Protein backbone atom coordinates (compact mmCIF):
# COMPACT_ATOMS: atom_id res chain seq x y z
CA MET A 1 -2.66 8.29 19.99
CA LYS A 2 0.68 6.80 21.30
CA ARG A 3 3.69 8.16 20.53
CA PRO A 4 6.52 5.78 19.89
CA ILE A 5 8.98 6.24 22.19
CA LEU A 6 12.53 4.56 20.82
CA TRP A 7 14.95 6.36 23.53
CA ILE A 8 16.37 3.35 25.27
CA GLY A 9 19.88 4.47 26.01
CA GLY A 10 22.22 4.16 22.98
CA PHE A 11 21.68 4.39 19.33
CA VAL A 12 22.08 1.23 19.00
CA ALA A 13 19.38 -0.19 21.18
CA LEU A 14 17.50 2.71 19.86
CA LEU A 15 17.48 0.82 16.25
CA LEU A 16 16.78 -2.42 17.84
CA ALA A 17 13.85 -1.00 19.77
CA ALA A 18 12.88 0.09 16.82
CA GLY A 19 13.05 -2.75 14.61
CA LEU A 20 15.27 -0.77 11.90
CA GLY A 21 18.25 -3.78 11.63
CA CYS A 22 21.20 -2.47 11.70
CA ASN A 23 24.21 -3.25 12.83
CA LEU A 24 26.49 -0.45 14.52
CA THR A 25 28.14 -2.71 16.71
CA ALA A 26 30.40 -3.74 14.10
CA PRO A 27 34.32 -2.88 14.09
CA LEU A 28 35.53 0.24 12.38
CA SER A 29 38.63 -0.17 10.37
CA SER A 30 37.95 3.52 8.53
CA PRO A 31 40.48 6.16 8.91
CA THR A 32 38.93 9.12 11.67
CA PRO A 33 36.40 10.33 9.66
CA GLU A 34 35.88 14.16 8.00
CA ALA A 35 33.47 16.16 6.08
CA PRO A 36 34.31 15.40 2.50
CA THR A 37 34.90 18.92 0.88
CA PRO A 38 32.02 19.20 -1.70
CA THR A 39 32.86 20.16 -5.40
CA PRO A 40 32.47 24.14 -5.74
CA THR A 41 30.61 23.60 -8.69
CA ALA A 42 28.22 21.17 -7.76
CA PRO A 43 24.55 22.63 -7.94
CA ALA A 44 22.50 22.91 -4.75
CA PRO A 45 19.71 20.21 -4.79
CA GLU A 46 16.04 20.96 -5.63
CA MET A 47 14.50 20.40 -2.36
CA THR A 48 10.88 19.12 -1.29
CA PRO A 49 9.27 20.84 2.24
CA LEU A 50 8.18 17.78 4.35
CA GLU A 51 6.14 19.01 7.78
CA TYR A 52 6.03 16.49 10.57
CA PRO A 53 3.89 18.08 13.69
CA VAL A 54 3.59 14.71 15.42
CA GLY A 55 7.16 14.54 15.91
CA GLY A 56 8.06 18.10 16.29
CA TYR A 57 9.88 19.60 13.12
CA ASN A 58 10.19 20.47 9.73
CA LEU A 59 12.36 19.42 6.85
CA ALA A 60 13.06 19.68 3.47
CA TYR A 61 14.85 16.91 1.20
CA PRO A 62 16.18 16.43 -2.08
CA ALA A 63 13.60 15.47 -5.49
CA GLY A 64 13.53 12.14 -6.49
CA TRP A 65 14.19 11.22 -2.72
CA VAL A 66 11.44 9.04 -0.93
CA VAL A 67 10.07 9.18 2.18
CA ALA A 68 9.38 6.53 4.44
CA LEU A 69 7.27 6.01 8.01
CA GLN A 70 8.02 3.26 10.37
CA GLN A 71 7.09 3.36 14.01
CA GLY A 72 7.50 6.68 14.24
CA ALA A 73 10.61 7.24 12.36
CA ILE A 74 11.65 9.43 8.84
CA ILE A 75 13.45 7.04 6.70
CA LEU A 76 14.53 8.80 3.98
CA SER A 77 16.54 7.68 0.72
CA PRO A 78 17.24 8.24 -2.94
CA SER A 79 16.01 4.42 -3.33
CA GLN A 80 12.83 3.03 -2.70
CA ASP A 81 14.41 -0.58 -1.84
CA VAL A 82 16.96 1.32 0.40
CA ALA A 83 14.08 2.81 2.39
CA ASP A 84 12.25 -0.76 2.70
CA ALA A 85 15.96 -2.77 3.33
CA MET A 86 16.77 -0.33 5.69
CA ASP A 87 20.26 -1.54 4.76
CA TRP A 88 23.20 1.34 4.84
CA ALA A 89 25.53 -0.91 2.96
CA SER A 90 23.21 -1.29 -0.37
CA GLY A 91 22.67 3.04 -0.29
CA PRO A 92 22.17 6.43 1.00
CA LEU A 93 19.88 6.44 4.04
CA MET A 94 18.70 8.29 6.53
CA ILE A 95 16.67 8.45 10.01
CA VAL A 96 15.34 10.96 12.14
CA LEU A 97 13.45 10.05 16.09
CA SER A 98 12.04 12.53 18.13
CA GLY A 99 10.26 12.62 21.15
CA LEU A 100 9.65 14.29 24.30
CA PRO A 101 12.54 15.44 26.65
CA GLU A 102 10.84 14.18 29.70
CA GLU A 103 10.33 10.69 27.85
CA VAL A 104 13.64 10.44 26.08
CA PHE A 105 15.72 11.64 28.95
CA ALA A 106 13.66 9.34 31.51
CA ALA A 107 15.71 6.55 29.37
CA THR A 108 18.76 7.93 30.20
CA SER A 109 21.02 8.52 33.44
CA GLU A 110 22.08 11.61 32.28
CA GLU A 111 21.20 14.67 34.27
CA GLU A 112 22.87 16.90 31.72
CA GLN A 113 19.74 17.47 29.22
CA THR A 114 21.52 18.47 26.78
CA ALA A 115 22.53 18.18 22.92
CA GLN A 116 25.95 16.98 23.73
CA SER A 117 24.95 14.66 26.84
CA LEU A 118 22.69 13.01 24.62
CA LEU A 119 24.89 12.34 21.55
CA GLU A 120 27.65 10.92 23.64
CA VAL A 121 24.88 8.34 25.22
CA THR A 122 23.88 7.49 21.90
CA LEU A 123 27.81 6.48 21.33
CA GLU A 124 28.45 4.59 23.82
CA SER A 125 28.32 1.07 22.68
CA PHE A 126 29.78 2.46 19.15
CA ARG A 127 32.68 3.95 21.39
CA ALA A 128 32.99 0.33 22.87
CA GLN A 129 34.10 -1.53 20.24
CA GLU A 130 37.65 -2.38 18.97
CA ASP A 131 39.54 0.50 16.87
CA ALA A 132 35.85 2.19 16.98
CA GLU A 133 36.74 6.00 15.69
CA VAL A 134 34.56 8.77 15.69
CA GLY A 135 35.32 12.36 13.95
CA GLU A 136 35.29 15.53 15.91
CA VAL A 137 32.04 16.66 17.78
CA GLU A 138 30.94 20.04 16.07
CA THR A 139 28.61 22.40 16.56
CA ARG A 140 25.30 22.09 14.07
CA ARG A 141 23.16 24.23 12.76
CA PHE A 142 20.02 23.95 11.12
CA ALA A 143 17.99 26.32 9.82
CA ARG A 144 17.83 28.57 12.93
CA GLN A 145 18.49 26.74 15.96
CA GLU A 146 21.82 24.55 16.99
CA GLY A 147 22.84 21.08 18.03
CA VAL A 148 25.80 18.94 17.74
CA GLY A 149 26.89 16.81 15.24
CA VAL A 150 29.71 14.34 14.05
CA HIS A 151 31.30 11.77 11.65
CA LEU A 152 31.46 8.21 11.39
CA GLY A 153 32.09 6.01 9.61
CA TRP A 154 32.08 1.64 9.87
CA THR A 155 31.95 -1.51 7.84
CA GLU A 156 28.79 -3.37 7.57
CA MET A 157 28.43 -6.63 5.57
CA ASP A 158 31.93 -6.01 4.14
CA THR A 159 31.50 -2.48 3.41
CA PRO A 160 33.02 0.51 4.31
CA LEU A 161 30.52 3.07 5.53
CA ARG A 162 30.61 6.56 5.86
CA GLY A 163 28.24 8.87 8.02
CA TYR A 164 26.89 11.77 10.28
CA LEU A 165 24.84 11.69 13.91
CA ALA A 166 23.52 14.88 14.70
CA VAL A 167 21.50 15.79 17.93
CA TYR A 168 19.06 18.41 18.86
CA VAL A 169 17.40 19.35 22.57
CA ASP A 170 15.24 22.08 23.40
CA GLU A 171 12.43 22.28 26.02
CA GLU A 172 10.16 21.12 23.83
CA VAL A 173 11.57 18.56 21.51
CA VAL A 174 14.92 16.26 20.98
CA ALA A 175 15.44 14.77 17.51
CA LEU A 176 18.40 12.29 16.85
CA LEU A 177 18.94 12.31 13.11
CA LEU A 178 21.73 9.90 11.06
CA ALA A 179 22.96 9.49 7.90
CA ALA A 180 25.11 7.21 5.91
CA SER A 181 25.99 5.36 3.00
CA PRO A 182 28.64 3.28 1.44
CA GLU A 183 32.06 5.22 1.76
CA ASP A 184 32.52 5.65 -2.03
CA GLN A 185 28.90 7.29 -2.56
CA TRP A 186 29.52 9.66 1.05
CA GLU A 187 31.50 12.71 -0.94
CA THR A 188 28.15 12.86 -3.60
CA VAL A 189 25.87 12.14 -0.20
CA TRP A 190 27.01 14.52 1.96
CA PRO A 191 26.01 17.88 0.44
CA GLN A 192 22.02 16.36 0.30
CA VAL A 193 22.38 15.55 3.63
CA ASP A 194 23.67 18.71 4.80
CA ALA A 195 21.04 20.41 3.37
CA ILE A 196 18.19 18.06 4.65
CA LEU A 197 19.84 19.11 7.82
CA ALA A 198 20.07 22.79 7.06
CA SER A 199 16.55 22.95 6.90
CA MET A 200 15.09 21.28 9.37
CA VAL A 201 12.93 23.53 12.10
CA PHE A 202 12.34 22.37 15.24
CA TYR A 203 9.06 22.86 17.88
CA ALA A 204 6.90 21.16 20.12
CA PRO A 205 5.48 17.81 18.92
CA GLN A 206 1.77 17.94 18.60
CA GLU A 207 -0.58 15.56 19.22
CA PRO A 208 -2.39 14.60 15.42
CA THR A 209 -6.08 15.90 14.99
CA PRO A 210 -8.24 14.55 12.96
CA GLU A 211 -8.97 16.36 9.69
CA PRO A 212 -12.37 16.46 8.49
CA ARG A 213 -12.52 14.24 4.99
CA GLY A 214 -16.28 14.50 4.18
CA ALA A 215 -18.97 12.59 4.37
CA LEU A 216 -19.71 8.65 3.25
CA GLU A 217 -22.45 6.73 1.41
CA ARG A 218 -23.25 3.10 1.52
CA ASP A 219 -22.14 0.99 -1.27
CA VAL A 220 -19.85 3.99 -2.63
CA PRO A 221 -16.70 3.81 -2.24
CA THR A 222 -14.37 6.91 -2.38
CA GLU A 223 -10.17 7.09 -2.66
CA ALA A 224 -7.92 9.19 -0.14
CA THR A 225 -4.62 9.99 0.68
CA LEU A 226 -3.56 10.16 4.43
CA LYS A 227 -0.94 12.93 5.08
CA ILE A 228 2.37 11.23 7.24
CA GLY A 229 1.62 11.28 10.49
CA GLY A 230 -2.14 12.49 9.85
CA ILE A 231 -5.54 10.94 11.05
CA ASP A 232 -8.46 10.78 8.58
CA GLU A 233 -12.02 11.48 9.28
CA TRP A 234 -15.04 10.73 7.45
CA THR A 235 -18.34 10.56 8.77
CA TYR A 236 -21.20 8.35 7.80
CA CYS A 237 -24.53 9.29 8.92
CA SER A 238 -27.18 5.98 9.49
CA PRO A 239 -31.00 5.70 9.69
CA GLY A 240 -30.18 3.44 12.80
CA ASP A 241 -30.64 -0.42 13.38
CA GLU A 242 -28.32 -1.45 10.64
CA TYR A 243 -24.95 -3.64 10.17
CA VAL A 244 -22.92 -2.21 8.23
CA ASN A 245 -18.93 -3.76 6.79
CA ILE A 246 -16.32 -1.23 6.41
CA GLU A 247 -13.69 -1.03 4.06
CA VAL A 248 -10.41 0.29 4.34
CA GLY A 249 -7.99 -0.55 1.49
CA ALA A 250 -4.22 0.56 1.46
CA ARG A 251 -2.56 1.30 -2.11
CA GLY A 252 0.86 0.13 -1.48
CA THR A 253 2.93 -1.75 1.76
CA TRP A 254 1.42 0.68 4.49
CA ASP A 255 -0.36 -0.39 7.39
CA PRO A 256 -4.20 1.88 8.00
CA PHE A 257 -5.60 1.58 11.19
CA LEU A 258 -9.66 1.82 11.50
CA GLU A 259 -11.30 3.04 14.49
CA VAL A 260 -14.98 4.19 14.53
CA PHE A 261 -17.22 6.31 17.27
CA ASN A 262 -20.70 7.16 17.95
CA GLU A 263 -21.69 10.95 18.26
CA ALA A 264 -20.77 11.16 22.30
CA GLY A 265 -16.79 10.13 21.06
CA GLU A 266 -17.22 6.77 22.26
CA SER A 267 -15.00 4.40 20.42
CA ILE A 268 -17.35 1.67 19.14
CA ALA A 269 -14.84 -0.46 17.11
CA SER A 270 -11.53 -0.61 15.76
CA ASP A 271 -9.87 -3.16 13.21
CA ASP A 272 -5.78 -3.23 12.43
CA ASP A 273 -5.23 -6.37 9.88
CA SER A 274 -8.61 -8.52 9.13
CA GLY A 275 -9.11 -7.29 5.79
CA GLY A 276 -5.71 -9.39 5.07
CA GLU A 277 -2.12 -7.25 3.81
CA PHE A 278 -2.29 -5.45 6.80
CA ASN A 279 -5.99 -4.13 5.63
CA PRO A 280 -8.93 -3.57 8.39
CA TYR A 281 -11.92 -4.52 8.00
CA ILE A 282 -14.83 -3.94 10.60
CA PHE A 283 -17.12 -6.58 9.48
CA GLY A 284 -21.55 -6.73 10.53
CA LEU A 285 -21.41 -3.78 12.91
CA HIS A 286 -24.43 -2.79 14.44
CA LEU A 287 -25.42 0.67 14.53
CA THR A 288 -28.12 0.91 16.44
CA ASP A 289 -28.64 4.50 16.93
CA PRO A 290 -29.63 6.95 14.37
CA GLY A 291 -27.10 9.66 13.92
CA CYS A 292 -23.50 10.57 12.45
CA TYR A 293 -20.00 8.39 13.16
CA ALA A 294 -16.70 8.99 12.60
CA LEU A 295 -14.76 6.60 10.72
CA ARG A 296 -11.08 7.99 11.49
CA ILE A 297 -8.49 6.42 9.31
CA SER A 298 -4.13 6.43 10.95
CA ALA A 299 -1.35 4.08 10.86
CA TYR A 300 0.89 2.05 12.05
CA ASP A 301 3.03 2.71 10.22
CA GLY A 302 3.48 4.85 6.91
CA TYR A 303 1.15 6.68 5.07
CA GLY A 304 -0.50 7.30 1.73
CA ASP A 305 -3.36 6.55 -1.01
CA TYR A 306 -6.09 4.48 -0.02
CA GLN A 307 -10.03 3.66 -0.27
CA ILE A 308 -12.55 3.46 2.19
CA ALA A 309 -15.99 1.69 1.99
CA VAL A 310 -19.08 1.43 4.02
CA ARG A 311 -21.01 -1.41 2.60
CA THR A 312 -24.38 -2.80 3.54
CA GLY A 313 -24.03 -5.57 6.09
CA GLU A 314 -25.52 -9.11 8.12
CA PRO A 315 -25.79 -9.30 10.94
CA PRO A 316 -23.51 -11.35 12.80
CA GLY A 317 -23.65 -15.04 13.53
CA GLY A 318 -23.09 -15.88 17.37
CA GLY A 319 -26.04 -16.25 19.95
CA PRO A 320 -26.31 -16.75 23.81
CA ILE A 321 -23.76 -18.07 25.78
CA SER A 322 -23.61 -18.79 29.43
CA TYR A 323 -21.25 -19.12 32.33
CA GLY A 324 -19.81 -22.95 32.06
CA GLU A 325 -20.45 -23.20 28.46
CA THR A 326 -18.66 -24.04 25.27
CA VAL A 327 -20.29 -23.58 22.18
CA GLU A 328 -18.95 -24.33 18.60
CA SER A 329 -18.91 -22.02 15.31
CA ASN A 330 -17.62 -21.30 12.02
CA LEU A 331 -16.05 -17.79 10.49
CA ALA A 332 -16.40 -16.90 7.58
CA PRO A 333 -13.15 -14.70 6.31
CA GLY A 334 -13.19 -11.27 7.36
CA GLU A 335 -16.15 -11.93 9.70
CA GLN A 336 -17.28 -11.66 13.34
CA GLU A 337 -19.63 -12.83 15.78
CA ALA A 338 -21.44 -11.69 18.61
CA TRP A 339 -21.98 -13.77 21.87
CA THR A 340 -24.06 -12.16 24.79
CA PHE A 341 -24.50 -13.18 28.46
CA GLU A 342 -26.03 -12.01 31.52
CA ALA A 343 -23.86 -10.90 34.34
CA GLN A 344 -23.52 -9.12 37.81
CA ALA A 345 -21.51 -6.22 38.79
CA GLY A 346 -18.16 -7.77 40.36
CA ASP A 347 -18.37 -10.75 38.23
CA ALA A 348 -15.00 -11.81 37.24
CA VAL A 349 -14.85 -14.01 33.77
CA ARG A 350 -12.55 -16.00 31.67
CA ILE A 351 -13.57 -16.07 28.16
CA SER A 352 -11.09 -18.43 25.44
CA MET A 353 -11.43 -18.29 21.81
CA VAL A 354 -9.35 -21.52 20.08
CA GLY A 355 -9.67 -22.01 16.34
CA SER A 356 -8.88 -24.58 14.45
CA GLU A 357 -7.70 -25.58 10.59
CA GLU A 358 -7.26 -22.38 8.65
CA LEU A 359 -8.34 -20.40 11.59
CA THR A 360 -4.85 -20.06 13.89
CA ASP A 361 -5.01 -16.30 15.24
CA THR A 362 -8.24 -15.34 17.13
CA TYR A 363 -8.62 -12.17 18.29
CA LEU A 364 -11.82 -11.54 21.01
CA GLU A 365 -13.54 -7.73 22.41
CA LEU A 366 -15.50 -7.52 24.72
CA PHE A 367 -18.15 -4.97 25.26
CA GLY A 368 -20.45 -3.67 28.60
CA PRO A 369 -23.84 -2.69 28.68
CA ASP A 370 -23.79 0.15 27.37
CA ASP A 371 -22.03 -0.81 24.24
CA THR A 372 -18.28 0.40 25.21
CA LEU A 373 -15.33 -2.21 24.58
CA LEU A 374 -14.49 -2.78 27.93
CA VAL A 375 -11.09 -4.66 26.57
CA SER A 376 -9.47 -6.95 23.93
CA ASP A 377 -6.70 -9.56 23.21
CA ASP A 378 -5.29 -11.34 20.68
CA GLU A 379 -2.28 -13.48 22.14
CA SER A 380 -2.95 -14.22 25.20
CA GLY A 381 -3.72 -18.22 25.34
CA GLU A 382 -1.93 -21.07 24.08
CA GLY A 383 -0.25 -20.40 20.85
CA SER A 384 -1.84 -17.63 18.74
CA PHE A 385 -5.32 -17.94 20.47
CA ALA A 386 -7.05 -15.23 22.56
CA LEU A 387 -8.00 -15.10 26.13
CA ILE A 388 -9.66 -12.99 28.37
CA ALA A 389 -8.70 -13.99 31.79
CA GLY A 390 -9.67 -12.87 35.06
CA TYR A 391 -11.74 -9.44 34.41
CA LEU A 392 -14.02 -7.99 37.01
CA LEU A 393 -17.55 -6.59 35.18
CA PRO A 394 -18.16 -3.19 36.21
CA ARG A 395 -21.93 -3.73 35.98
CA ALA A 396 -25.14 -5.55 35.80
CA GLY A 397 -26.26 -5.42 32.51
CA THR A 398 -25.88 -8.02 29.18
CA TYR A 399 -22.27 -8.03 27.79
CA ARG A 400 -21.05 -8.73 24.53
CA ILE A 401 -18.57 -10.99 23.00
CA VAL A 402 -17.05 -10.60 19.73
CA ALA A 403 -15.37 -13.04 18.45
CA GLN A 404 -12.79 -12.92 15.39
CA SER A 405 -10.13 -13.79 13.52
CA TYR A 406 -6.41 -11.32 14.33
CA ALA A 407 -5.85 -11.32 10.30
CA GLY A 408 -9.52 -12.01 7.98
CA GLU A 409 -9.08 -15.51 8.25
CA SER A 410 -11.48 -18.32 8.49
CA GLY A 411 -12.38 -22.01 9.92
CA PRO A 412 -13.81 -23.12 13.31
CA TYR A 413 -13.57 -21.78 16.66
CA THR A 414 -14.90 -22.76 20.11
CA LEU A 415 -15.32 -19.92 22.49
CA SER A 416 -15.62 -20.89 26.48
CA LEU A 417 -17.40 -18.53 28.90
CA GLU A 418 -16.50 -19.51 32.87
CA GLN A 419 -17.20 -17.34 35.83
CA VAL A 420 -13.87 -17.22 37.78
CA THR A 421 -12.72 -15.50 41.05
CA VAL A 422 -10.23 -12.87 41.31
CA THR A 423 -8.64 -10.51 44.34
CA VAL A 424 -9.97 -6.80 45.08
CA GLN A 425 -7.48 -4.42 46.82
CA SER A 426 -8.40 -1.80 48.98
CA ILE A 427 -6.41 1.24 48.60
CA THR A 428 -6.29 4.76 50.38
CA TYR A 429 -4.98 7.78 49.95
CA GLY A 430 -1.20 8.06 50.64
CA GLN A 431 -1.12 4.69 50.04
CA THR A 432 1.80 2.60 48.11
CA LEU A 433 0.92 -0.97 46.80
CA SER A 434 2.90 -3.75 44.91
CA GLY A 435 2.61 -7.03 43.45
CA THR A 436 2.88 -8.83 40.18
CA LEU A 437 0.70 -9.54 37.25
CA THR A 438 0.77 -12.65 35.65
CA ALA A 439 -0.49 -14.70 32.77
CA ASP A 440 -3.22 -16.62 34.72
CA PHE A 441 -4.32 -12.84 36.23
CA PRO A 442 -3.16 -10.10 34.30
CA TYR A 443 -5.04 -7.79 35.67
CA GLY A 444 -5.09 -5.78 39.18
CA TYR A 445 -7.94 -4.50 40.95
CA TRP A 446 -8.48 -1.71 43.37
CA THR A 447 -11.04 -0.17 45.14
CA PHE A 448 -11.04 2.99 47.47
CA GLU A 449 -13.44 5.65 49.09
CA GLY A 450 -13.62 9.38 47.61
CA ALA A 451 -15.49 12.23 47.59
CA GLU A 452 -17.52 14.39 45.33
CA GLY A 453 -14.17 17.10 44.38
CA ASP A 454 -11.35 14.79 45.68
CA THR A 455 -9.00 15.26 43.62
CA VAL A 456 -6.84 12.41 43.33
CA THR A 457 -3.40 10.97 41.33
CA ILE A 458 -3.40 7.37 40.48
CA SER A 459 0.07 5.98 38.87
CA MET A 460 0.62 2.16 38.18
CA VAL A 461 4.79 1.73 37.25
CA GLY A 462 6.25 -1.53 36.06
CA VAL A 463 9.24 -3.21 36.69
CA GLY A 464 11.60 -2.66 33.39
CA ASP A 465 9.97 -2.12 30.11
CA MET A 466 6.63 -3.01 31.19
CA ASP A 467 4.05 -1.06 29.57
CA THR A 468 1.14 -0.33 32.25
CA TYR A 469 -2.48 0.43 31.72
CA LEU A 470 -4.85 1.88 34.21
CA GLU A 471 -8.66 2.79 33.81
CA LEU A 472 -10.80 3.85 36.74
CA TYR A 473 -14.53 3.43 37.03
CA GLY A 474 -17.12 5.40 39.27
CA PRO A 475 -19.64 4.73 41.47
CA ASP A 476 -22.62 3.18 38.95
CA GLY A 477 -19.41 1.33 37.12
CA ALA A 478 -19.06 3.61 34.05
CA LEU A 479 -15.26 4.46 32.84
CA LEU A 480 -14.89 7.81 33.86
CA MET A 481 -10.76 7.80 32.85
CA ASN A 482 -8.05 5.63 31.23
CA ASP A 483 -4.18 5.82 30.55
CA ASP A 484 -1.40 4.30 28.98
CA ASP A 485 1.75 6.38 29.21
CA SER A 486 1.42 9.41 30.87
CA GLY A 487 4.28 8.80 33.61
CA GLY A 488 6.48 8.49 30.85
CA ASN A 489 8.66 5.29 29.87
CA TYR A 490 5.29 3.61 29.84
CA ALA A 491 4.16 4.28 33.32
CA ALA A 492 0.39 4.92 33.08
CA LEU A 493 -0.81 7.72 35.25
CA ILE A 494 -4.50 9.36 36.22
CA ALA A 495 -3.02 12.97 37.15
CA GLY A 496 -5.32 15.68 39.07
CA TYR A 497 -8.44 13.62 37.96
CA VAL A 498 -11.65 15.07 40.01
CA LEU A 499 -14.08 12.68 41.09
CA PRO A 500 -17.70 13.65 40.35
CA ARG A 501 -19.36 12.24 43.40
CA THR A 502 -19.30 10.32 46.65
CA GLY A 503 -19.07 6.81 46.85
CA VAL A 504 -16.82 3.08 45.68
CA TYR A 505 -14.62 3.99 42.78
CA ARG A 506 -12.24 1.23 41.17
CA ILE A 507 -9.09 1.13 39.37
CA VAL A 508 -8.19 -1.92 37.08
CA GLY A 509 -4.20 -1.71 35.99
CA ARG A 510 -2.72 -4.04 33.57
CA SER A 511 -0.13 -4.32 31.43
CA LEU A 512 -0.12 -4.12 27.37
CA GLY A 513 2.95 -6.31 26.44
CA ASP A 514 3.90 -8.97 29.08
CA PRO A 515 2.93 -9.02 32.51
CA GLY A 516 5.38 -8.71 35.21
CA PRO A 517 6.15 -6.92 38.59
CA TYR A 518 4.37 -3.48 39.45
CA THR A 519 3.77 -0.82 42.31
CA MET A 520 0.46 1.33 42.61
CA SER A 521 -0.12 4.30 44.32
CA LEU A 522 -3.11 6.76 44.94
CA ALA A 523 -2.51 10.35 45.71
CA LYS A 524 -5.25 13.03 47.24
CA LYS A 525 -4.54 16.30 46.66
């Protein structure tokens, strides 16, 4: 699971990258901020514990406050409306961001990896504004660790604001915390913010592990609650050779994600929004083999209550398609259609799906002869239409194209399959090559000779914020390894992989966002 990296240098850039919509670049007009003096008789707030292992910290927040999760950031506020709007001018709000030190500091020019240096980086844009004022930097004591903090004040939407920025850094985790409220509320809010900070314990971020939730019966809906940052894993035992529909319905506004795995641990289907209103829905999934399948529920944003159900399904529409052919069909709401074609190893294909009428956002998946998902696409074609351009097939056999809508829309569409020509480059140990991915040629292909037992490292680094992705295929065409961000700063890295046999290996590289220039390197230990 990809951990969001929200650090891009300054705190302003961080918030913009996270889509949190604040405006810290407004000029400051308030006097030098200082900590308010709490009323001596103010009672200590009753606190509710919160564990967030994915972020690498635990905390406690005042009873009655609400907690939200947006793109990996924890949002705390006494008001649900304020948390949803992300608007400090409308009320108290606290944001907690965290990440791995190597990823955080890779996005800065700072050589010194300390809380003090990172605080200065996050305040660069803030200090650059005319009349900007910042309080004295102080040692910030958390539950049993220390960082740095500073009081702030600024004006947003003609509303004077007060706030506090704190940073914690160690060898395992980096955290940045910003709390603020309208100035006339800060004296009441600050003791609560101070209590939250005083409760925090930091540790190494943990990859989320699926939590077993039990077995599902067909056509029997089940209610459950996804914990913050968690993954729920359900099992469904199938007799084999059956079609099912899998529905997930969130209670509230959070955005669940559904992925299905076979007994070998291979992903055979996934979905985000095909059920409408951010709910996943997998239509007409063919469970070919008898056995127990894993259904994993996670979240793109948020967490909370949901219902999951495995329903009796029907074989999807579709049929055979050949190179050079364009077929016409019609999707029902939430439906998927499967089209199959025969191919040889090394064939390169271009697959296009264009909708009409109410079908405005199409989505394509391509599965290999072993029913493994090879590649998917949402909007690489014109408008919001799907296009898989110039993909090189790894082996001979029957391939399956799954045509669907990204958000459960219905309507007519055309599907085109073409055989095209792509360039495959040779690369040798110790070599670094450069190139450019484009919309017409969004994949890069390389081959190399490897011997059984060779330990190889493959790196693909994009220019700027290009998010590279790597796949390594063996001499038999089977996918061996893939990677997204292990190289840091969105760079793909397959490090220290031991080749299982002697032969010709194939590397596939692409971008998960906009294409652009890159470097590709291959090394042997």
